[in-house]
Amino acid sequence: MDEKDIRILTTIARDGTASPDKIEDATGIPKSTVHYRLNQLRESGVIKNDLYDIDLDKVGLSITLISEIWAEFEEGYHDTVGEKLAAVEGVNQVYFTMGDTDFVAIAHVANREMVEELVEDYEAIEEIERTSSKFVITTVKDEQNPLNDFEVETLVDALAE
């Protein structure tokens, strides 16, 4: 990746569009170059899909549940338990972590009944020893694209070849 790729990616993240016209307007990179670079970024797997942000509150999934999960240690358990957690209905993100907690799972649900079902599903996984779940009261920051958390120049300095 070079500076043009990074500028294109940060524009996509910031503006939520992969329109070559809009990217050209935002970056000054010619539309034909943008189009070519977008194709390269898709082919290399850097751009995985076309994203549409959804307001989960308006959909009705207004409760964010963050669960810490402790599992029985055995060889390969991070893959086995991780896959089982990822398969639980309603789970959006699963992270295998270092430290006191083995896994962190994040889910967005509609009501307390769904929270209860989710926790029961966690506890039904044989390897899970215990869980601790927290409701999010207020979302302070929920940036869906980490590129938006940096200045373009910081990314260029760190990532451009």
N, C-alpha and C. Protein backbone atom coordinates (compact mmCIF):
# COMPACT_ATOMS: atom_id res chain seq x y z
N MET A 1 0.84 -1.18 0.00
CA MET A 1 0.00 0.00 0.00
C MET A 1 0.88 1.24 0.00
N ASP A 2 0.38 2.26 -0.66
CA ASP A 2 1.10 3.52 -0.65
C ASP A 2 0.16 4.62 -0.17
N GLU A 3 0.63 5.85 -0.24
CA GLU A 3 -0.14 6.97 0.27
C GLU A 3 -1.50 7.11 -0.41
N LYS A 4 -1.57 6.90 -1.73
CA LYS A 4 -2.86 7.00 -2.44
C LYS A 4 -3.85 5.96 -1.92
N ASP A 5 -3.39 4.72 -1.74
CA ASP A 5 -4.27 3.68 -1.21
C ASP A 5 -4.81 4.07 0.17
N ILE A 6 -3.93 4.57 1.01
CA ILE A 6 -4.33 4.96 2.36
C ILE A 6 -5.32 6.12 2.32
N ARG A 7 -5.09 7.09 1.47
CA ARG A 7 -6.03 8.21 1.35
C ARG A 7 -7.39 7.73 0.84
N ILE A 8 -7.39 6.81 -0.10
CA ILE A 8 -8.65 6.24 -0.61
C ILE A 8 -9.37 5.49 0.51
N LEU A 9 -8.66 4.66 1.24
CA LEU A 9 -9.27 3.88 2.32
C LEU A 9 -9.82 4.77 3.44
N THR A 10 -9.08 5.81 3.81
CA THR A 10 -9.58 6.69 4.87
C THR A 10 -10.80 7.47 4.40
N THR A 11 -10.89 7.80 3.13
CA THR A 11 -12.07 8.48 2.60
C THR A 11 -13.26 7.54 2.63
N ILE A 12 -13.05 6.28 2.24
CA ILE A 12 -14.13 5.30 2.30
C ILE A 12 -14.63 5.17 3.74
N ALA A 13 -13.71 5.08 4.69
CA ALA A 13 -14.07 4.93 6.10
C ALA A 13 -14.81 6.16 6.62
N ARG A 14 -14.32 7.33 6.28
CA ARG A 14 -14.91 8.58 6.79
C ARG A 14 -16.25 8.89 6.15
N ASP A 15 -16.33 8.74 4.82
CA ASP A 15 -17.53 9.16 4.10
C ASP A 15 -18.51 8.02 3.85
N GLY A 16 -18.11 6.78 4.10
CA GLY A 16 -18.99 5.64 3.92
C GLY A 16 -19.36 5.39 2.46
N THR A 17 -18.46 5.70 1.56
CA THR A 17 -18.73 5.50 0.14
C THR A 17 -17.49 5.01 -0.58
N ALA A 18 -17.73 4.20 -1.61
CA ALA A 18 -16.63 3.78 -2.47
C ALA A 18 -16.84 4.35 -3.87
N SER A 19 -17.60 5.43 -3.97
CA SER A 19 -17.85 6.08 -5.25
C SER A 19 -16.58 6.78 -5.73
N PRO A 20 -16.06 6.38 -6.89
CA PRO A 20 -14.84 7.03 -7.41
C PRO A 20 -15.00 8.55 -7.54
N ASP A 21 -16.19 9.02 -7.93
CA ASP A 21 -16.40 10.46 -8.03
C ASP A 21 -16.24 11.15 -6.68
N LYS A 22 -16.85 10.59 -5.65
CA LYS A 22 -16.77 11.21 -4.32
C LYS A 22 -15.36 11.10 -3.74
N ILE A 23 -14.70 9.98 -4.01
CA ILE A 23 -13.32 9.82 -3.52
C ILE A 23 -12.40 10.81 -4.23
N GLU A 24 -12.61 11.02 -5.53
CA GLU A 24 -11.82 12.01 -6.27
C GLU A 24 -12.03 13.39 -5.67
N ASP A 25 -13.29 13.75 -5.40
CA ASP A 25 -13.58 15.06 -4.81
C ASP A 25 -12.89 15.25 -3.46
N ALA A 26 -12.86 14.18 -2.66
CA ALA A 26 -12.30 14.28 -1.31
C ALA A 26 -10.78 14.25 -1.29
N THR A 27 -10.18 13.53 -2.25
CA THR A 27 -8.72 13.32 -2.19
C THR A 27 -7.93 14.05 -3.26
N GLY A 28 -8.60 14.40 -4.36
CA GLY A 28 -7.89 14.99 -5.49
C GLY A 28 -7.20 13.95 -6.36
N ILE A 29 -7.37 12.67 -6.04
CA ILE A 29 -6.80 11.59 -6.85
C ILE A 29 -7.74 11.39 -8.05
N PRO A 30 -7.23 11.37 -9.27
CA PRO A 30 -8.09 11.24 -10.46
C PRO A 30 -9.00 10.00 -10.37
N LYS A 31 -10.21 10.16 -10.87
CA LYS A 31 -11.22 9.11 -10.79
C LYS A 31 -10.73 7.80 -11.41
N SER A 32 -10.03 7.87 -12.54
CA SER A 32 -9.54 6.64 -13.17
C SER A 32 -8.55 5.92 -12.26
N THR A 33 -7.72 6.68 -11.56
CA THR A 33 -6.76 6.09 -10.63
C THR A 33 -7.50 5.49 -9.44
N VAL A 34 -8.50 6.21 -8.95
CA VAL A 34 -9.31 5.70 -7.83
C VAL A 34 -9.95 4.38 -8.22
N HIS A 35 -10.57 4.35 -9.39
CA HIS A 35 -11.24 3.13 -9.86
C HIS A 35 -10.24 1.96 -9.93
N TYR A 36 -9.08 2.20 -10.52
CA TYR A 36 -8.04 1.18 -10.63
C TYR A 36 -7.60 0.70 -9.25
N ARG A 37 -7.35 1.66 -8.35
CA ARG A 37 -6.88 1.32 -7.00
C ARG A 37 -7.95 0.54 -6.22
N LEU A 38 -9.21 0.94 -6.37
CA LEU A 38 -10.29 0.21 -5.69
C LEU A 38 -10.32 -1.24 -6.14
N ASN A 39 -10.17 -1.46 -7.44
CA ASN A 39 -10.15 -2.84 -7.95
C ASN A 39 -8.97 -3.61 -7.37
N GLN A 40 -7.80 -2.97 -7.29
CA GLN A 40 -6.63 -3.63 -6.71
C GLN A 40 -6.86 -3.96 -5.23
N LEU A 41 -7.46 -3.01 -4.51
CA LEU A 41 -7.71 -3.23 -3.08
C LEU A 41 -8.73 -4.34 -2.86
N ARG A 42 -9.72 -4.46 -3.76
CA ARG A 42 -10.69 -5.57 -3.67
C ARG A 42 -10.01 -6.89 -3.99
N GLU A 43 -9.24 -6.94 -5.06
CA GLU A 43 -8.57 -8.18 -5.47
C GLU A 43 -7.60 -8.69 -4.41
N SER A 44 -6.95 -7.77 -3.71
CA SER A 44 -5.99 -8.18 -2.69
C SER A 44 -6.67 -8.50 -1.35
N GLY A 45 -7.97 -8.26 -1.27
CA GLY A 45 -8.71 -8.58 -0.05
C GLY A 45 -8.71 -7.48 0.99
N VAL A 46 -8.09 -6.33 0.69
CA VAL A 46 -8.09 -5.22 1.65
C VAL A 46 -9.52 -4.70 1.81
N ILE A 47 -10.22 -4.53 0.71
CA ILE A 47 -11.64 -4.17 0.75
C ILE A 47 -12.41 -5.46 0.59
N LYS A 48 -13.17 -5.83 1.63
CA LYS A 48 -13.86 -7.11 1.63
C LYS A 48 -15.28 -7.03 1.07
N ASN A 49 -15.96 -5.90 1.26
CA ASN A 49 -17.34 -5.81 0.81
C ASN A 49 -17.78 -4.35 0.78
N ASP A 50 -18.99 -4.10 0.32
CA ASP A 50 -19.57 -2.76 0.36
C ASP A 50 -20.34 -2.65 1.67
N LEU A 51 -20.01 -1.65 2.47
CA LEU A 51 -20.59 -1.52 3.80
C LEU A 51 -21.71 -0.49 3.84
N TYR A 52 -22.74 -0.83 4.58
CA TYR A 52 -23.83 0.10 4.86
C TYR A 52 -24.01 0.11 6.37
N ASP A 53 -23.80 1.26 6.99
CA ASP A 53 -23.97 1.37 8.43
C ASP A 53 -25.45 1.33 8.77
N ILE A 54 -25.78 0.65 9.85
CA ILE A 54 -27.16 0.50 10.30
C ILE A 54 -27.26 1.02 11.72
N ASP A 55 -28.29 1.81 12.00
CA ASP A 55 -28.55 2.30 13.35
C ASP A 55 -29.26 1.18 14.11
N LEU A 56 -28.54 0.49 14.99
CA LEU A 56 -29.09 -0.65 15.70
C LEU A 56 -30.23 -0.26 16.63
N ASP A 57 -30.19 0.94 17.20
CA ASP A 57 -31.29 1.40 18.05
C ASP A 57 -32.59 1.47 17.25
N LYS A 58 -32.52 2.00 16.03
CA LYS A 58 -33.72 2.13 15.21
C LYS A 58 -34.23 0.78 14.72
N VAL A 59 -33.32 -0.18 14.59
CA VAL A 59 -33.73 -1.54 14.21
C VAL A 59 -34.40 -2.23 15.39
N GLY A 60 -34.02 -1.85 16.60
CA GLY A 60 -34.58 -2.47 17.80
C GLY A 60 -33.57 -3.30 18.59
N LEU A 61 -32.32 -3.32 18.16
CA LEU A 61 -31.28 -4.03 18.89
C LEU A 61 -30.49 -3.03 19.73
N SER A 62 -31.16 -2.48 20.73
CA SER A 62 -30.61 -1.33 21.45
C SER A 62 -29.76 -1.70 22.67
N ILE A 63 -29.70 -2.97 23.04
CA ILE A 63 -28.91 -3.38 24.19
C ILE A 63 -27.61 -4.01 23.71
N THR A 64 -26.49 -3.43 24.14
CA THR A 64 -25.19 -4.02 23.84
C THR A 64 -24.75 -4.78 25.08
N LEU A 65 -24.40 -6.04 24.88
CA LEU A 65 -23.98 -6.90 25.97
C LEU A 65 -22.53 -7.31 25.72
N ILE A 66 -21.69 -7.04 26.72
CA ILE A 66 -20.28 -7.42 26.64
C ILE A 66 -20.08 -8.52 27.67
N SER A 67 -19.63 -9.69 27.20
CA SER A 67 -19.49 -10.85 28.09
C SER A 67 -18.04 -11.30 28.15
N GLU A 68 -17.57 -11.48 29.37
CA GLU A 68 -16.26 -12.11 29.59
C GLU A 68 -16.53 -13.58 29.83
N ILE A 69 -15.71 -14.43 29.22
CA ILE A 69 -15.96 -15.86 29.27
C ILE A 69 -14.68 -16.59 29.63
N TRP A 70 -14.79 -17.47 30.62
CA TRP A 70 -13.66 -18.29 31.04
C TRP A 70 -13.96 -19.72 30.61
N ALA A 71 -12.97 -20.36 30.01
CA ALA A 71 -13.16 -21.72 29.50
C ALA A 71 -12.11 -22.66 30.08
N GLU A 72 -12.42 -23.94 30.04
CA GLU A 72 -11.51 -24.98 30.49
C GLU A 72 -10.33 -25.05 29.52
N PHE A 73 -9.13 -24.94 30.05
CA PHE A 73 -7.94 -24.95 29.21
C PHE A 73 -7.66 -26.36 28.71
N GLU A 74 -7.44 -26.47 27.42
CA GLU A 74 -6.94 -27.70 26.80
C GLU A 74 -6.38 -27.30 25.45
N GLU A 75 -5.58 -28.16 24.88
CA GLU A 75 -4.93 -27.83 23.61
C GLU A 75 -5.99 -27.50 22.54
N GLY A 76 -5.80 -26.37 21.89
CA GLY A 76 -6.69 -25.96 20.81
C GLY A 76 -8.03 -25.40 21.26
N TYR A 77 -8.19 -25.19 22.58
CA TYR A 77 -9.50 -24.74 23.07
C TYR A 77 -9.90 -23.38 22.52
N HIS A 78 -8.90 -22.54 22.21
CA HIS A 78 -9.24 -21.22 21.68
C HIS A 78 -9.97 -21.33 20.35
N ASP A 79 -9.62 -22.32 19.54
CA ASP A 79 -10.33 -22.52 18.28
C ASP A 79 -11.70 -23.15 18.52
N THR A 80 -11.72 -24.22 19.29
CA THR A 80 -12.97 -24.96 19.54
C THR A 80 -14.02 -24.08 20.21
N VAL A 81 -13.64 -23.50 21.34
CA VAL A 81 -14.60 -22.68 22.10
C VAL A 81 -14.93 -21.41 21.32
N GLY A 82 -13.92 -20.83 20.66
CA GLY A 82 -14.17 -19.63 19.86
C GLY A 82 -15.21 -19.87 18.78
N GLU A 83 -15.10 -20.99 18.10
CA GLU A 83 -16.07 -21.33 17.05
C GLU A 83 -17.46 -21.54 17.63
N LYS A 84 -17.53 -22.20 18.79
CA LYS A 84 -18.84 -22.43 19.43
C LYS A 84 -19.47 -21.10 19.86
N LEU A 85 -18.66 -20.20 20.41
CA LEU A 85 -19.19 -18.89 20.80
C LEU A 85 -19.66 -18.11 19.58
N ALA A 86 -18.88 -18.15 18.52
CA ALA A 86 -19.23 -17.42 17.30
C ALA A 86 -20.52 -17.94 16.69
N ALA A 87 -20.84 -19.20 16.94
CA ALA A 87 -22.06 -19.79 16.38
C ALA A 87 -23.31 -19.48 17.20
N VAL A 88 -23.15 -18.92 18.40
CA VAL A 88 -24.31 -18.58 19.23
C VAL A 88 -25.10 -17.47 18.56
N GLU A 89 -26.38 -17.68 18.42
CA GLU A 89 -27.24 -16.69 17.78
C GLU A 89 -27.19 -15.37 18.54
N GLY A 90 -26.96 -14.29 17.81
CA GLY A 90 -26.92 -12.96 18.40
C GLY A 90 -25.51 -12.45 18.70
N VAL A 91 -24.52 -13.33 18.70
CA VAL A 91 -23.15 -12.91 18.98
C VAL A 91 -22.57 -12.26 17.73
N ASN A 92 -22.07 -11.03 17.88
CA ASN A 92 -21.52 -10.29 16.76
C ASN A 92 -20.01 -10.38 16.66
N GLN A 93 -19.35 -10.42 17.82
CA GLN A 93 -17.90 -10.42 17.85
C GLN A 93 -17.42 -11.36 18.93
N VAL A 94 -16.34 -12.09 18.64
CA VAL A 94 -15.72 -12.96 19.64
C VAL A 94 -14.22 -12.73 19.56
N TYR A 95 -13.62 -12.52 20.72
CA TYR A 95 -12.18 -12.30 20.79
C TYR A 95 -11.58 -13.29 21.79
N PHE A 96 -10.51 -13.98 21.38
CA PHE A 96 -9.71 -14.79 22.29
C PHE A 96 -8.69 -13.83 22.87
N THR A 97 -8.63 -13.73 24.19
CA THR A 97 -7.82 -12.70 24.82
C THR A 97 -6.74 -13.29 25.73
N MET A 98 -5.78 -12.45 26.05
CA MET A 98 -4.76 -12.82 27.02
C MET A 98 -5.11 -12.13 28.32
N GLY A 99 -4.69 -12.71 29.42
CA GLY A 99 -4.99 -12.12 30.73
C GLY A 99 -5.93 -13.02 31.50
N ASP A 100 -6.73 -12.42 32.36
CA ASP A 100 -7.61 -13.20 33.24
C ASP A 100 -8.78 -13.83 32.50
N THR A 101 -9.23 -13.20 31.43
CA THR A 101 -10.39 -13.65 30.68
C THR A 101 -9.93 -14.40 29.43
N ASP A 102 -10.61 -15.50 29.11
CA ASP A 102 -10.24 -16.26 27.91
C ASP A 102 -10.85 -15.66 26.65
N PHE A 103 -12.12 -15.26 26.73
CA PHE A 103 -12.83 -14.73 25.58
C PHE A 103 -13.65 -13.52 25.98
N VAL A 104 -13.84 -12.64 25.02
CA VAL A 104 -14.81 -11.55 25.15
C VAL A 104 -15.76 -11.70 23.98
N ALA A 105 -17.05 -11.68 24.28
CA ALA A 105 -18.07 -11.76 23.23
C ALA A 105 -18.95 -10.53 23.33
N ILE A 106 -19.31 -9.99 22.18
CA ILE A 106 -20.17 -8.81 22.13
C ILE A 106 -21.41 -9.15 21.33
N ALA A 107 -22.54 -8.77 21.87
CA ALA A 107 -23.82 -9.03 21.20
C ALA A 107 -24.70 -7.79 21.30
N HIS A 108 -25.57 -7.64 20.33
CA HIS A 108 -26.57 -6.57 20.33
C HIS A 108 -27.92 -7.25 20.33
N VAL A 109 -28.71 -6.98 21.36
CA VAL A 109 -30.00 -7.67 21.52
C VAL A 109 -31.11 -6.66 21.78
N ALA A 110 -32.34 -7.15 21.77
CA ALA A 110 -33.50 -6.26 21.87
C ALA A 110 -34.03 -6.11 23.29
N ASN A 111 -33.88 -7.14 24.13
CA ASN A 111 -34.52 -7.08 25.44
C ASN A 111 -33.83 -8.02 26.42
N ARG A 112 -34.29 -7.98 27.67
CA ARG A 112 -33.68 -8.79 28.73
C ARG A 112 -33.85 -10.29 28.47
N GLU A 113 -34.97 -10.67 27.86
CA GLU A 113 -35.18 -12.09 27.55
C GLU A 113 -34.09 -12.60 26.60
N MET A 114 -33.73 -11.78 25.62
CA MET A 114 -32.67 -12.18 24.70
C MET A 114 -31.33 -12.26 25.41
N VAL A 115 -31.10 -11.39 26.39
CA VAL A 115 -29.88 -11.45 27.19
C VAL A 115 -29.82 -12.78 27.94
N GLU A 116 -30.92 -13.13 28.57
CA GLU A 116 -30.99 -14.37 29.33
C GLU A 116 -30.73 -15.58 28.43
N GLU A 117 -31.34 -15.59 27.25
CA GLU A 117 -31.14 -16.70 26.30
C GLU A 117 -29.68 -16.78 25.86
N LEU A 118 -29.09 -15.65 25.63
CA LEU A 118 -27.69 -15.60 25.20
C LEU A 118 -26.78 -16.20 26.27
N VAL A 119 -26.97 -15.79 27.51
CA VAL A 119 -26.14 -16.29 28.60
C VAL A 119 -26.37 -17.79 28.78
N GLU A 120 -27.60 -18.24 28.65
CA GLU A 120 -27.88 -19.68 28.74
C GLU A 120 -27.16 -20.43 27.62
N ASP A 121 -27.14 -19.85 26.43
CA ASP A 121 -26.43 -20.48 25.31
C ASP A 121 -24.93 -20.57 25.58
N TYR A 122 -24.37 -19.52 26.20
CA TYR A 122 -22.95 -19.57 26.57
C TYR A 122 -22.70 -20.72 27.54
N GLU A 123 -23.53 -20.77 28.57
CA GLU A 123 -23.34 -21.76 29.63
C GLU A 123 -23.62 -23.17 29.17
N ALA A 124 -24.31 -23.35 28.06
CA ALA A 124 -24.57 -24.68 27.51
C ALA A 124 -23.34 -25.24 26.79
N ILE A 125 -22.37 -24.41 26.52
CA ILE A 125 -21.12 -24.88 25.89
C ILE A 125 -20.30 -25.58 26.96
N GLU A 126 -20.04 -26.84 26.72
CA GLU A 126 -19.41 -27.71 27.73
C GLU A 126 -18.12 -27.15 28.31
N GLU A 127 -17.27 -26.57 27.47
CA GLU A 127 -15.96 -26.11 27.92
C GLU A 127 -16.00 -24.81 28.73
N ILE A 128 -17.11 -24.13 28.74
CA ILE A 128 -17.19 -22.85 29.44
C ILE A 128 -17.40 -23.07 30.93
N GLU A 129 -16.52 -22.45 31.72
CA GLU A 129 -16.57 -22.59 33.17
C GLU A 129 -17.45 -21.53 33.82
N ARG A 130 -17.35 -20.28 33.34
CA ARG A 130 -18.20 -19.22 33.89
C ARG A 130 -18.19 -18.03 32.95
N THR A 131 -19.16 -17.14 33.17
CA THR A 131 -19.28 -15.93 32.36
C THR A 131 -19.59 -14.74 33.27
N SER A 132 -19.32 -13.57 32.76
CA SER A 132 -19.69 -12.33 33.42
C SER A 132 -20.08 -11.36 32.33
N SER A 133 -21.34 -10.92 32.37
CA SER A 133 -21.85 -10.05 31.31
C SER A 133 -22.20 -8.67 31.85
N LYS A 134 -22.02 -7.68 31.00
CA LYS A 134 -22.29 -6.29 31.36
C LYS A 134 -23.16 -5.65 30.29
N PHE A 135 -24.12 -4.84 30.73
CA PHE A 135 -24.93 -4.04 29.82
C PHE A 135 -24.23 -2.72 29.58
N VAL A 136 -24.24 -2.26 28.36
CA VAL A 136 -23.71 -0.93 28.07
C VAL A 136 -24.81 0.07 28.42
N ILE A 137 -24.47 1.06 29.22
CA ILE A 137 -25.42 2.10 29.60
C ILE A 137 -25.42 3.20 28.54
N THR A 138 -24.24 3.71 28.22
CA THR A 138 -24.10 4.76 27.21
C THR A 138 -22.91 4.41 26.33
N THR A 139 -23.11 4.49 25.04
CA THR A 139 -22.02 4.27 24.11
C THR A 139 -21.29 5.59 23.93
N VAL A 140 -20.05 5.64 24.35
CA VAL A 140 -19.24 6.84 24.24
C VAL A 140 -18.64 6.94 22.84
N LYS A 141 -18.21 5.80 22.31
CA LYS A 141 -17.63 5.78 20.96
C LYS A 141 -17.88 4.40 20.37
N ASP A 142 -18.31 4.38 19.14
CA ASP A 142 -18.55 3.12 18.43
C ASP A 142 -18.15 3.31 16.98
N GLU A 143 -16.87 3.47 16.77
CA GLU A 143 -16.36 3.67 15.42
C GLU A 143 -16.25 2.30 14.75
N GLN A 144 -16.96 2.14 13.66
CA GLN A 144 -16.98 0.86 12.97
C GLN A 144 -15.72 0.62 12.14
N ASN A 145 -15.02 1.68 11.79
CA ASN A 145 -13.85 1.52 10.96
C ASN A 145 -12.65 2.15 11.66
N PRO A 146 -11.70 1.33 12.12
CA PRO A 146 -10.54 1.85 12.85
C PRO A 146 -9.71 2.88 12.08
N LEU A 147 -9.81 2.92 10.76
CA LEU A 147 -9.06 3.94 10.01
C LEU A 147 -9.50 5.34 10.42
N ASN A 148 -10.75 5.48 10.86
CA ASN A 148 -11.25 6.79 11.28
C ASN A 148 -10.65 7.26 12.61
N ASP A 149 -9.94 6.39 13.30
CA ASP A 149 -9.36 6.74 14.59
C ASP A 149 -7.96 7.35 14.47
N PHE A 150 -7.50 7.54 13.24
CA PHE A 150 -6.17 8.08 13.00
C PHE A 150 -6.23 9.24 12.02
N GLU A 151 -5.28 10.13 12.12
CA GLU A 151 -5.08 11.14 11.10
C GLU A 151 -4.48 10.44 9.88
N VAL A 152 -4.82 10.91 8.70
CA VAL A 152 -4.31 10.29 7.48
C VAL A 152 -2.78 10.26 7.49
N GLU A 153 -2.17 11.34 7.91
CA GLU A 153 -0.70 11.40 7.91
C GLU A 153 -0.09 10.36 8.85
N THR A 154 -0.73 10.09 9.97
CA THR A 154 -0.24 9.06 10.89
C THR A 154 -0.24 7.71 10.19
N LEU A 155 -1.32 7.40 9.46
CA LEU A 155 -1.39 6.13 8.74
C LEU A 155 -0.37 6.08 7.60
N VAL A 156 -0.21 7.17 6.90
CA VAL A 156 0.78 7.20 5.82
C VAL A 156 2.17 6.93 6.38
N ASP A 157 2.51 7.59 7.48
CA ASP A 157 3.83 7.40 8.09
C ASP A 157 4.03 5.96 8.56
N ALA A 158 2.98 5.34 9.10
CA ALA A 158 3.11 4.01 9.67
C ALA A 158 2.97 2.89 8.64
N LEU A 159 2.19 3.12 7.57
CA LEU A 159 1.84 2.01 6.71
C LEU A 159 2.35 2.09 5.27
N ALA A 160 2.59 3.27 4.77
CA ALA A 160 2.98 3.41 3.35
C ALA A 160 4.38 2.82 3.14
N GLU A 161 4.52 2.15 2.03
CA GLU A 161 5.82 1.52 1.73
C GLU A 161 6.75 2.51 1.09
